[in-house]
Protein backbone atom coordinates (compact mmCIF):
# COMPACT_ATOMS: atom_id res chain seq x y z
CA UNK A 1 0.00 0.00 0.00
CA UNK A 2 2.95 2.34 0.48
CA UNK A 3 5.57 3.69 -1.88
CA UNK A 4 8.80 5.48 -0.88
CA UNK A 5 7.94 5.77 2.80
CA UNK A 6 10.09 7.99 4.98
CA UNK A 7 9.86 9.97 8.17
CA UNK A 8 8.72 13.52 7.52
CA UNK A 9 8.47 16.83 9.29
CA UNK A 10 5.61 19.33 9.61
CA UNK A 11 3.58 20.63 7.97
CA UNK A 12 2.38 18.01 5.52
CA UNK A 13 0.01 18.27 2.56
CA UNK A 14 -2.07 15.32 1.41
CA UNK A 15 -2.81 15.59 -2.30
CA UNK A 16 -5.41 13.29 -3.83
CA UNK A 17 -4.11 12.25 -7.25
CA UNK A 18 -6.88 10.86 -9.45
CA UNK A 19 -4.59 9.65 -12.20
CA UNK A 20 -2.50 7.58 -9.80
CA UNK A 21 -5.23 6.29 -7.44
CA UNK A 22 -3.06 7.65 -4.67
CA UNK A 23 -2.35 10.37 -2.15
CA UNK A 24 0.94 12.22 -2.48
CA UNK A 25 2.31 13.21 0.93
CA UNK A 26 4.20 16.48 0.53
CA UNK A 27 6.61 17.85 3.13
CA UNK A 28 6.04 21.59 2.66
CA UNK A 29 9.28 22.59 4.35
CA UNK A 30 11.29 20.36 2.01
CA UNK A 31 9.00 21.16 -0.95
CA UNK A 32 8.89 17.56 -2.15
CA UNK A 33 6.84 14.38 -2.03
CA UNK A 34 8.09 12.12 0.75
CA UNK A 35 5.58 9.29 0.36
CA UNK A 36 2.91 8.08 -2.04
CA UNK A 37 0.01 6.08 -0.59
CA UNK A 38 -2.19 3.97 -2.83
CA UNK A 39 -5.90 4.37 -2.05
CA UNK A 40 -9.15 3.62 -3.92
CA UNK A 41 -10.34 4.50 -7.42
CA UNK A 42 -9.94 8.10 -8.60
CA UNK A 43 -9.57 9.87 -5.21
CA UNK A 44 -10.82 13.45 -5.06
CA UNK A 45 -12.01 14.74 -1.68
CA UNK A 46 -9.69 14.90 1.31
CA UNK A 47 -9.77 15.93 4.97
CA UNK A 48 -7.12 15.76 7.69
CA UNK A 49 -8.30 15.02 11.23
CA UNK A 50 -7.23 17.24 14.15
CA UNK A 51 -3.70 16.31 15.19
CA UNK A 52 -2.84 15.12 11.70
CA UNK A 53 -2.67 11.41 12.56
CA UNK A 54 -5.60 10.36 10.37
CA UNK A 55 -6.47 11.36 6.82
CA UNK A 56 -9.59 10.59 4.81
CA UNK A 57 -9.99 10.54 1.03
CA UNK A 58 -13.07 9.90 -1.11
CA UNK A 59 -12.88 7.48 -4.03
CA UNK A 60 -15.75 8.41 -6.40
CA UNK A 61 -15.27 5.46 -8.75
CA UNK A 62 -14.80 3.06 -5.85
CA UNK A 63 -17.98 4.32 -4.10
CA UNK A 64 -15.95 4.60 -0.92
CA UNK A 65 -13.60 6.61 1.23
CA UNK A 66 -10.16 5.51 2.39
CA UNK A 67 -8.88 5.91 5.95
CA UNK A 68 -5.13 6.55 6.24
CA UNK A 69 -3.23 6.62 9.51
CA UNK A 70 0.16 8.15 10.26
CA UNK A 71 2.48 6.25 12.59
CA UNK A 72 5.08 7.46 15.07
CA UNK A 73 7.85 7.19 12.47
CA UNK A 74 5.97 9.44 10.05
CA UNK A 75 4.88 6.70 7.66
CA UNK A 76 1.32 6.20 6.44
CA UNK A 77 -0.89 3.19 5.79
CA UNK A 78 -4.46 2.60 4.68
CA UNK A 79 -6.39 1.01 7.53
CA UNK A 80 -9.87 0.87 5.97
CA UNK A 81 -11.91 1.48 2.86
CA UNK A 82 -15.53 2.28 3.68
CA UNK A 83 -18.46 2.18 1.25
CA UNK A 84 -20.21 5.57 1.10
CA UNK A 85 -23.04 5.79 -1.40
CA UNK A 86 -23.15 6.01 -5.17
CA UNK A 87 -20.77 8.91 -5.76
CA UNK A 88 -18.75 10.08 -2.76
CA UNK A 89 -17.00 13.35 -3.61
CA UNK A 90 -16.74 16.11 -1.02
CA UNK A 91 -15.53 15.25 2.46
CA UNK A 92 -15.52 17.18 5.74
CA UNK A 93 -15.12 16.58 9.47
CA UNK A 94 -16.60 18.18 12.54
CA UNK A 95 -14.04 20.31 14.46
CA UNK A 96 -13.29 17.51 16.93
CA UNK A 97 -12.79 14.95 14.17
CA UNK A 98 -15.45 12.69 15.69
CA UNK A 99 -17.74 12.58 12.66
CA UNK A 100 -17.01 12.20 8.96
CA UNK A 101 -19.32 13.79 6.39
CA UNK A 102 -19.30 12.44 2.83
CA UNK A 103 -21.21 14.21 0.05
CA UNK A 104 -22.88 11.71 -2.29
CA UNK A 105 -22.96 13.38 -5.71
CA UNK A 106 -25.45 10.91 -7.17
CA UNK A 107 -27.51 10.27 -4.04
CA UNK A 108 -28.26 13.92 -3.14
CA UNK A 109 -27.30 13.14 0.44
CA UNK A 110 -24.52 13.63 2.94
CA UNK A 111 -23.59 10.37 4.67
CA UNK A 112 -22.47 10.62 8.30
CA UNK A 113 -19.95 8.22 9.84
CA UNK A 114 -18.56 7.76 13.34
CA UNK A 115 -14.79 8.30 13.14
CA UNK A 116 -14.04 5.66 15.80
CA UNK A 117 -16.15 2.81 14.49
CA UNK A 118 -16.35 3.91 10.82
CA UNK A 119 -20.02 2.92 10.93
CA UNK A 120 -22.64 5.06 9.24
CA UNK A 121 -24.79 6.87 11.79
CA UNK A 122 -27.03 8.95 9.56
CA UNK A 123 -27.82 10.48 6.20
CA UNK A 124 -28.77 14.09 5.50
CA UNK A 125 -31.01 15.04 2.60
CA UNK A 126 -29.60 18.03 0.71
CA UNK A 127 -29.86 19.44 -2.83
CA UNK A 128 -28.83 17.96 -6.16
CA UNK A 129 -25.22 16.89 -6.65
CA UNK A 130 -23.66 17.92 -3.32
CA UNK A 131 -19.95 18.68 -3.62
CA UNK A 132 -17.91 20.87 -1.24
CA UNK A 133 -18.67 21.15 2.48
CA UNK A 134 -17.37 23.02 5.50
CA UNK A 135 -18.27 23.09 9.19
CA UNK A 136 -18.20 26.13 11.44
CA UNK A 137 -15.50 26.03 14.17
CA UNK A 138 -18.07 25.30 16.87
CA UNK A 139 -19.38 22.24 15.06
CA UNK A 140 -22.96 23.51 15.05
CA UNK A 141 -23.59 23.75 11.33
CA UNK A 142 -22.37 22.17 8.10
CA UNK A 143 -22.54 24.09 4.83
CA UNK A 144 -23.08 21.98 1.70
CA UNK A 145 -22.81 23.21 -1.90
CA UNK A 146 -25.40 21.67 -4.23
CA UNK A 147 -24.03 22.06 -7.72
CA UNK A 148 -27.15 21.22 -9.73
CA UNK A 149 -29.50 23.12 -7.37
CA UNK A 150 -27.50 26.38 -7.37
CA UNK A 151 -27.77 26.44 -3.60
CA UNK A 152 -26.05 25.89 -0.27
CA UNK A 153 -27.75 23.86 2.46
CA UNK A 154 -27.24 24.73 6.10
CA UNK A 155 -27.31 21.52 8.16
CA UNK A 156 -27.88 21.50 11.92
CA UNK A 157 -25.31 19.01 13.19
CA UNK A 158 -27.26 18.34 16.39
CA UNK A 159 -30.29 17.05 14.49
CA UNK A 160 -28.67 16.20 11.12
CA UNK A 161 -31.43 18.16 9.38
CA UNK A 162 -31.23 20.83 6.71
CA UNK A 163 -32.51 24.00 8.37
CA UNK A 164 -32.00 26.48 5.52
CA UNK A 165 -31.31 26.47 1.80
CA UNK A 166 -29.56 29.55 0.40
CA UNK A 167 -29.52 30.61 -3.25
CA UNK A 168 -26.03 31.30 -4.62
CA UNK A 169 -24.46 31.47 -8.09
CA UNK A 170 -24.63 28.85 -10.80
CA UNK A 171 -23.13 25.44 -10.04
CA UNK A 172 -21.54 25.99 -6.59
CA UNK A 173 -18.69 23.61 -5.83
CA UNK A 174 -15.98 24.49 -3.30
CA UNK A 175 -16.98 25.77 0.18
CA UNK A 176 -14.74 27.49 2.73
CA UNK A 177 -15.73 28.71 6.20
CA UNK A 178 -13.71 31.73 7.33
CA UNK A 179 -14.08 32.35 11.06
CA UNK A 180 -12.61 35.84 10.73
CA UNK A 181 -15.86 37.13 9.22
CA UNK A 182 -17.47 34.95 10.02
CA UNK A 183 -18.34 34.19 6.42
CA UNK A 184 -18.85 31.26 4.09
CA UNK A 185 -17.20 31.52 0.67
CA UNK A 186 -18.62 29.46 -2.18
CA UNK A 187 -17.02 29.03 -5.62
CA UNK A 188 -19.72 29.08 -8.32
CA UNK A 189 -18.24 27.20 -11.25
CA UNK A 190 -20.58 28.15 -14.08
CA UNK A 191 -21.33 31.77 -13.15
CA UNK A 192 -17.65 32.55 -12.65
CA UNK A 193 -17.97 34.13 -9.24
CA UNK A 194 -17.77 33.58 -5.48
CA UNK A 195 -20.73 33.95 -3.15
CA UNK A 196 -20.05 35.53 0.24
CA UNK A 197 -22.56 34.26 2.81
CA UNK A 198 -23.26 35.72 6.24
CA UNK A 199 -23.75 32.57 8.36
CA UNK A 200 -25.60 34.48 11.09
CA UNK A 201 -28.12 36.15 8.80
CA UNK A 202 -28.08 33.12 6.48
CA UNK A 203 -27.99 35.14 3.30
CA UNK A 204 -25.64 35.96 0.47
CA UNK A 205 -24.20 39.43 0.98
CA UNK A 206 -22.17 39.87 -2.20
CA UNK A 207 -20.62 38.21 -5.24
CA UNK A 208 -16.96 38.42 -6.16
CA UNK A 209 -16.27 38.21 -9.88
CA UNK A 210 -13.57 35.64 -10.61
CA UNK A 211 -12.42 34.08 -13.89
CA UNK A 212 -13.54 30.96 -15.75
CA UNK A 213 -14.71 28.03 -13.61
CA UNK A 214 -13.76 29.03 -10.06
CA UNK A 215 -13.25 25.75 -8.22
CA UNK A 216 -12.24 26.42 -4.62
CA UNK A 217 -11.40 29.21 -2.19
CA UNK A 218 -8.52 29.57 0.29
CA UNK A 219 -8.25 32.30 2.92
CA UNK A 220 -5.14 33.42 4.79
CA UNK A 221 -5.44 32.55 8.44
CA UNK A 222 -5.92 36.19 9.43
CA UNK A 223 -8.67 36.60 6.84
CA UNK A 224 -6.68 39.30 5.06
CA UNK A 225 -6.64 37.76 1.58
CA UNK A 226 -8.94 35.46 -0.36
CA UNK A 227 -7.55 33.19 -3.12
CA UNK A 228 -9.83 31.68 -5.78
CA UNK A 229 -8.65 28.97 -8.19
CA UNK A 230 -9.95 29.51 -11.73
CA UNK A 231 -9.86 26.05 -13.25
CA UNK A 232 -10.38 26.95 -16.92
CA UNK A 233 -8.29 30.13 -16.78
CA UNK A 234 -5.13 28.52 -15.30
CA UNK A 235 -5.10 31.30 -12.74
CA UNK A 236 -5.74 32.30 -9.13
CA UNK A 237 -7.63 35.52 -8.37
CA UNK A 238 -6.77 37.28 -5.11
CA UNK A 239 -9.17 39.57 -3.25
CA UNK A 240 -8.65 41.82 -0.24
CA UNK A 241 -10.35 40.08 2.68
CA UNK A 242 -11.71 43.33 4.13
CA UNK A 243 -12.72 45.43 1.10
CA UNK A 244 -13.19 42.55 -1.40
CA UNK A 245 -11.27 44.54 -4.00
CA UNK A 246 -9.41 42.40 -6.53
CA UNK A 247 -5.69 42.61 -5.81
CA UNK A 248 -4.31 40.46 -8.59
CA UNK A 249 -5.00 37.52 -10.88
CA UNK A 250 -1.97 35.24 -10.86
CA UNK A 251 -0.93 33.14 -13.85
CA UNK A 252 -0.63 29.99 -11.74
CA UNK A 253 -0.67 26.60 -13.49
CA UNK A 254 -2.73 24.22 -15.59
CA UNK A 255 -6.23 23.64 -14.17
CA UNK A 256 -5.80 24.82 -10.58
CA UNK A 257 -8.23 23.04 -8.28
CA UNK A 258 -7.91 22.58 -4.50
CA UNK A 259 -6.35 25.44 -2.52
CA UNK A 260 -5.41 25.82 1.13
CA UNK A 261 -3.44 28.14 3.41
CA UNK A 262 -0.44 26.66 5.24
CA UNK A 263 0.52 27.56 8.83
CA UNK A 264 3.31 29.85 7.56
CA UNK A 265 0.81 31.84 5.50
CA UNK A 266 1.65 30.57 2.02
CA UNK A 267 -1.13 29.27 -0.21
CA UNK A 268 -0.87 25.87 -1.88
CA UNK A 269 -2.78 24.98 -5.05
CA UNK A 270 -3.17 21.57 -6.70
CA UNK A 271 -2.71 21.83 -10.47
CA UNK A 272 -4.59 19.03 -12.18
CA UNK A 273 -3.08 19.30 -15.67
CA UNK A 274 0.50 20.09 -14.63
CA UNK A 275 0.82 17.40 -11.91
CA UNK A 276 2.26 19.90 -9.45
CA UNK A 277 1.44 21.55 -6.15
CA UNK A 278 2.03 25.27 -6.63
CA UNK A 279 3.12 27.51 -3.74
CA UNK A 280 2.00 31.14 -3.73
CA UNK A 281 3.60 33.70 -1.43
CA UNK A 282 0.62 35.41 0.22
CA UNK A 283 2.58 38.64 0.66
CA UNK A 284 4.08 39.11 -2.79
CA UNK A 285 1.36 37.14 -4.64
CA UNK A 286 4.04 35.35 -6.66
CA UNK A 287 4.28 31.65 -7.44
CA UNK A 288 7.45 30.60 -5.63
CA UNK A 289 7.52 26.84 -6.24
CA UNK A 290 5.94 24.06 -8.25
CA UNK A 291 6.32 20.74 -6.49
CA UNK A 292 5.90 17.62 -8.69
CA UNK A 293 3.25 15.24 -7.36
CA UNK A 294 1.40 12.14 -8.62
CA UNK A 295 -0.84 12.35 -11.69
CA UNK A 296 -3.96 14.53 -11.85
CA UNK A 297 -3.91 16.14 -8.39
CA UNK A 298 -7.20 17.52 -7.07
CA UNK A 299 -6.85 18.07 -3.28
CA UNK A 300 -10.52 18.93 -2.87
CA UNK A 301 -10.84 19.83 0.80
CA UNK A 302 -8.76 20.50 3.90
CA UNK A 303 -5.54 18.87 2.72
CA UNK A 304 -2.89 20.47 4.96
CA UNK A 305 -1.96 19.27 8.46
CA UNK A 306 -1.73 20.52 11.12
């Protein structure tokens, strides 16, 4: 199950690579892949549990998600593959890492699993073709993008019921919760923009115009800058986190998809067509590295630990 295992430092990025049926483990300090872990068929979604000792990845063509554990020596191994509906895609955890949420693209549901037992404990009815998800830091609500319904469902995690459905742009996909706002940022693939949602008022407050096919959104940890990957434009658009003014559109890489902020403030972007993980300096807004990874990286979700 493992290839080129080695002990590795922090922080680590876990990049789902659809073309390799694997996760590339990237040591961000060394800027290189230190391990490649074989998982299920065509992995896409990913989430790292608190503490970084367990990683989950959805396998859409395997109708499952893989559970990967990190050992004391820094190596990784798959400990389970769990069936999860017809088309598992997006993946999220509650803040404590006690529950796993898997968006079923074909089933129009979010499946809920206990992280200890890996048994399914519930299913949440949402809109059509659920994709990206994000929980608030308190673990009270889960926000689910429904691509074919042009909406975001707000799920009460105490009752596992949808308590609100919010209209957004066309074909929402990636979802990011920014506690600095607080705000929920939703990448609308087909309308080429990002919805900004006030989670308290439960309404969209503005749209940010991006480029072609915005896929996901990353926010610096202080909320100062917002980064949007534009899949069909090979670019990343950067907005001021306070004024929402566009600061720059960066010529990034081929088909940028998943994006996430690292603890040091840099932004990392998975580039599906170039087979690299691009690093963007959040201060200068320049691409400072392109790290080769396994084929067709997606990294759809919270892929950086800790």
